[in-house]
Amino acid sequence: MGHVKGIGGLFFRAQDPDALNRWYRERLGVGAGCSAEADGPVDEWSWSVAAGPLVFAPFKADTDYFAPDRQYMVNLRVDDLDAVLAPFRAAGEEIITKDEWNDPAIGRFARVHDPEGNPIELWEPPKG
């Protein structure tokens, strides 16, 4: 039997896909033509990511962990949460943090939303 080796893409609907693609590239360095490593390879179709853990977890339909009108929330693993949040702060965009989300054994978390209201959880795993 073959084995799944990772997620090959994340596809979702948008009112303005071109504008949303630009926002993700500019705010988070995510999407086609981006690389998680400063000197990493890029191409016009994919985002080169760094290897690491990925949580795949359905939540109960009545969860309050993210908005009830959303079917999913993207969680992006980051290396420096404060630096990743800087452009959001500079733009005056809402950043949600809660002390109970953070745990030294798991890491630090923050939540932002893209221009179409989709929740994005930013996760900085513990160092080491």
C-alpha atoms as a PDB file:
ATOM      1  CA  MET A   1       0.000   0.000   0.000  1.00  0.00           C
ATOM      2  CA  GLY A   2       1.209   3.511  -0.774  1.00  0.00           C
ATOM      3  CA  HIS A   3       1.548   6.184   1.893  1.00  0.00           C
ATOM      4  CA  VAL A   4       0.515   9.820   1.866  1.00  0.00           C
ATOM      5  CA  LYS A   5       3.657  11.944   2.288  1.00  0.00           C
ATOM      6  CA  GLY A   6       2.098  15.305   3.067  1.00  0.00           C
ATOM      7  CA  ILE A   7      -0.361  17.896   1.907  1.00  0.00           C
ATOM      8  CA  GLY A   8       0.069  18.738  -1.762  1.00  0.00           C
ATOM      9  CA  GLY A   9      -2.206  21.767  -1.819  1.00  0.00           C
ATOM     10  CA  LEU A  10      -4.858  23.767  -0.045  1.00  0.00           C
ATOM     11  CA  PHE A  11      -7.705  24.961  -2.238  1.00  0.00           C
ATOM     12  CA  PHE A  12     -10.551  27.214  -1.174  1.00  0.00           C
ATOM     13  CA  ARG A  13     -13.060  29.606  -2.705  1.00  0.00           C
ATOM     14  CA  ALA A  14     -12.550  33.364  -2.693  1.00  0.00           C
ATOM     15  CA  GLN A  15     -14.554  36.370  -3.843  1.00  0.00           C
ATOM     16  CA  ASP A  16     -11.400  37.874  -5.397  1.00  0.00           C
ATOM     17  CA  PRO A  17      -8.730  35.146  -5.786  1.00  0.00           C
ATOM     18  CA  ASP A  18      -6.105  37.473  -7.304  1.00  0.00           C
ATOM     19  CA  ALA A  19      -6.384  40.019  -4.485  1.00  0.00           C
ATOM     20  CA  LEU A  20      -6.366  37.284  -1.845  1.00  0.00           C
ATOM     21  CA  ASN A  21      -3.278  35.664  -3.413  1.00  0.00           C
ATOM     22  CA  ARG A  22      -1.503  39.033  -3.292  1.00  0.00           C
ATOM     23  CA  TRP A  23      -2.471  39.535   0.360  1.00  0.00           C
ATOM     24  CA  TYR A  24      -1.118  36.111   1.380  1.00  0.00           C
ATOM     25  CA  ARG A  25       2.165  36.709  -0.501  1.00  0.00           C
ATOM     26  CA  GLU A  26       2.620  40.233   0.918  1.00  0.00           C
ATOM     27  CA  ARG A  27       1.540  39.590   4.532  1.00  0.00           C
ATOM     28  CA  LEU A  28       2.793  36.042   5.073  1.00  0.00           C
ATOM     29  CA  GLY A  29       5.096  35.056   2.193  1.00  0.00           C
ATOM     30  CA  VAL A  30       2.679  32.219   1.401  1.00  0.00           C
ATOM     31  CA  GLY A  31       1.633  30.967  -2.013  1.00  0.00           C
ATOM     32  CA  ALA A  32       2.897  30.423  -5.510  1.00  0.00           C
ATOM     33  CA  GLY A  33       6.364  31.848  -6.041  1.00  0.00           C
ATOM     34  CA  CYS A  34       7.231  31.883  -2.325  1.00  0.00           C
ATOM     35  CA  SER A  35       9.781  29.915  -0.322  1.00  0.00           C
ATOM     36  CA  ALA A  36       9.998  29.304   3.429  1.00  0.00           C
ATOM     37  CA  GLU A  37      13.778  29.594   3.138  1.00  0.00           C
ATOM     38  CA  ALA A  38      15.347  32.903   2.063  1.00  0.00           C
ATOM     39  CA  ASP A  39      17.475  31.203  -0.596  1.00  0.00           C
ATOM     40  CA  GLY A  40      15.051  28.391  -1.417  1.00  0.00           C
ATOM     41  CA  PRO A  41      13.866  27.489  -4.896  1.00  0.00           C
ATOM     42  CA  VAL A  42      10.679  29.116  -6.180  1.00  0.00           C
ATOM     43  CA  ASP A  43       8.431  28.481  -9.139  1.00  0.00           C
ATOM     44  CA  GLU A  44       5.263  30.111 -10.385  1.00  0.00           C
ATOM     45  CA  TRP A  45       2.930  27.356  -9.155  1.00  0.00           C
ATOM     46  CA  SER A  46       4.045  26.281  -5.705  1.00  0.00           C
ATOM     47  CA  TRP A  47       5.206  27.440  -2.298  1.00  0.00           C
ATOM     48  CA  SER A  48       8.370  25.693  -1.073  1.00  0.00           C
ATOM     49  CA  VAL A  49       7.844  24.899   2.603  1.00  0.00           C
ATOM     50  CA  ALA A  50      10.139  23.747   5.387  1.00  0.00           C
ATOM     51  CA  ALA A  51       9.736  20.204   6.709  1.00  0.00           C
ATOM     52  CA  GLY A  52       8.117  19.848  10.078  1.00  0.00           C
ATOM     53  CA  PRO A  53       5.026  18.748  11.936  1.00  0.00           C
ATOM     54  CA  LEU A  54       1.539  19.200  10.541  1.00  0.00           C
ATOM     55  CA  VAL A  55      -1.590  18.667  12.620  1.00  0.00           C
ATOM     56  CA  PHE A  56      -4.569  17.167  10.777  1.00  0.00           C
ATOM     57  CA  ALA A  57      -7.529  17.344  13.145  1.00  0.00           C
ATOM     58  CA  PRO A  58     -11.267  17.583  12.565  1.00  0.00           C
ATOM     59  CA  PHE A  59     -13.045  19.538  15.300  1.00  0.00           C
ATOM     60  CA  LYS A  60     -16.557  19.027  16.621  1.00  0.00           C
ATOM     61  CA  ALA A  61     -19.182  20.900  14.596  1.00  0.00           C
ATOM     62  CA  ASP A  62     -20.017  23.110  17.599  1.00  0.00           C
ATOM     63  CA  THR A  63     -16.416  24.059  18.481  1.00  0.00           C
ATOM     64  CA  ASP A  64     -15.821  27.621  19.621  1.00  0.00           C
ATOM     65  CA  TYR A  65     -12.136  27.454  18.666  1.00  0.00           C
ATOM     66  CA  PHE A  66     -12.943  29.277  15.421  1.00  0.00           C
ATOM     67  CA  ALA A  67     -15.991  31.044  13.982  1.00  0.00           C
ATOM     68  CA  PRO A  68     -19.096  28.900  13.537  1.00  0.00           C
ATOM     69  CA  ASP A  69     -19.648  30.215  10.005  1.00  0.00           C
ATOM     70  CA  ARG A  70     -16.257  28.819   8.862  1.00  0.00           C
ATOM     71  CA  GLN A  71     -15.632  25.196   7.957  1.00  0.00           C
ATOM     72  CA  TYR A  72     -11.868  25.361   8.325  1.00  0.00           C
ATOM     73  CA  MET A  73      -8.989  27.309   9.826  1.00  0.00           C
ATOM     74  CA  VAL A  74      -5.497  27.297   8.343  1.00  0.00           C
ATOM     75  CA  ASN A  75      -2.668  26.898  10.854  1.00  0.00           C
ATOM     76  CA  LEU A  76       0.702  28.182   9.637  1.00  0.00           C
ATOM     77  CA  ARG A  77       3.901  27.135  11.416  1.00  0.00           C
ATOM     78  CA  VAL A  78       6.248  30.129  11.876  1.00  0.00           C
ATOM     79  CA  ASP A  79       9.793  30.584  13.140  1.00  0.00           C
ATOM     80  CA  ASP A  80       9.315  33.982  14.853  1.00  0.00           C
ATOM     81  CA  LEU A  81       5.737  34.850  15.770  1.00  0.00           C
ATOM     82  CA  ASP A  82       6.500  38.450  16.705  1.00  0.00           C
ATOM     83  CA  ALA A  83       8.259  39.130  13.385  1.00  0.00           C
ATOM     84  CA  VAL A  84       5.446  37.493  11.390  1.00  0.00           C
ATOM     85  CA  LEU A  85       2.887  39.641  13.226  1.00  0.00           C
ATOM     86  CA  ALA A  86       4.788  42.903  12.589  1.00  0.00           C
ATOM     87  CA  PRO A  87       3.147  43.644   9.198  1.00  0.00           C
ATOM     88  CA  PHE A  88      -0.292  43.057  10.718  1.00  0.00           C
ATOM     89  CA  ARG A  89       0.497  45.479  13.540  1.00  0.00           C
ATOM     90  CA  ALA A  90       1.867  48.035  11.067  1.00  0.00           C
ATOM     91  CA  ALA A  91      -1.326  47.781   8.999  1.00  0.00           C
ATOM     92  CA  GLY A  92      -3.505  48.128  12.117  1.00  0.00           C
ATOM     93  CA  GLU A  93      -5.088  44.721  11.515  1.00  0.00           C
ATOM     94  CA  GLU A  94      -6.640  42.722  14.342  1.00  0.00           C
ATOM     95  CA  ILE A  95      -4.415  40.164  16.057  1.00  0.00           C
ATOM     96  CA  ILE A  96      -6.026  37.798  18.552  1.00  0.00           C
ATOM     97  CA  THR A  97      -3.961  36.168  21.297  1.00  0.00           C
ATOM     98  CA  LYS A  98      -5.026  34.317  24.430  1.00  0.00           C
ATOM     99  CA  ASP A  99      -2.760  33.191  27.233  1.00  0.00           C
ATOM    100  CA  GLU A 100      -4.530  29.820  27.398  1.00  0.00           C
ATOM    101  CA  TRP A 101      -3.494  29.061  23.798  1.00  0.00           C
ATOM    102  CA  ASN A 102       0.207  29.148  24.714  1.00  0.00           C
ATOM    103  CA  ASP A 103       2.056  26.259  26.323  1.00  0.00           C
ATOM    104  CA  PRO A 104       5.853  25.942  26.662  1.00  0.00           C
ATOM    105  CA  ALA A 105       5.633  22.309  25.476  1.00  0.00           C
ATOM    106  CA  ILE A 106       3.505  23.165  22.410  1.00  0.00           C
ATOM    107  CA  GLY A 107       4.392  26.742  21.517  1.00  0.00           C
ATOM    108  CA  ARG A 108       2.878  30.187  21.032  1.00  0.00           C
ATOM    109  CA  PHE A 109      -0.209  31.067  18.979  1.00  0.00           C
ATOM    110  CA  ALA A 110      -1.905  34.084  17.456  1.00  0.00           C
ATOM    111  CA  ARG A 111      -4.912  34.432  15.187  1.00  0.00           C
ATOM    112  CA  VAL A 112      -5.421  36.799  12.262  1.00  0.00           C
ATOM    113  CA  HIS A 113      -8.001  36.881   9.459  1.00  0.00           C
ATOM    114  CA  ASP A 114      -7.485  37.348   5.745  1.00  0.00           C
ATOM    115  CA  PRO A 115      -9.443  40.085   3.910  1.00  0.00           C
ATOM    116  CA  GLU A 116     -12.303  37.645   3.271  1.00  0.00           C
ATOM    117  CA  GLY A 117     -12.631  36.753   6.969  1.00  0.00           C
ATOM    118  CA  ASN A 118     -10.919  33.341   6.856  1.00  0.00           C
ATOM    119  CA  PRO A 119      -9.191  32.552  10.158  1.00  0.00           C
ATOM    120  CA  ILE A 120      -5.429  31.961  10.120  1.00  0.00           C
ATOM    121  CA  GLU A 121      -3.750  30.557  13.191  1.00  0.00           C
ATOM    122  CA  LEU A 122      -0.028  31.292  13.465  1.00  0.00           C
ATOM    123  CA  TRP A 123       1.941  28.770  15.501  1.00  0.00           C
ATOM    124  CA  GLU A 124       5.514  29.152  16.747  1.00  0.00           C
ATOM    125  CA  PRO A 125       6.594  25.709  18.019  1.00  0.00           C
ATOM    126  CA  PRO A 126       8.977  25.638  20.991  1.00  0.00           C
ATOM    127  CA  LYS A 127      12.656  26.085  20.132  1.00  0.00           C
ATOM    128  CA  GLY A 128      14.807  22.983  20.159  1.00  0.00           C
END
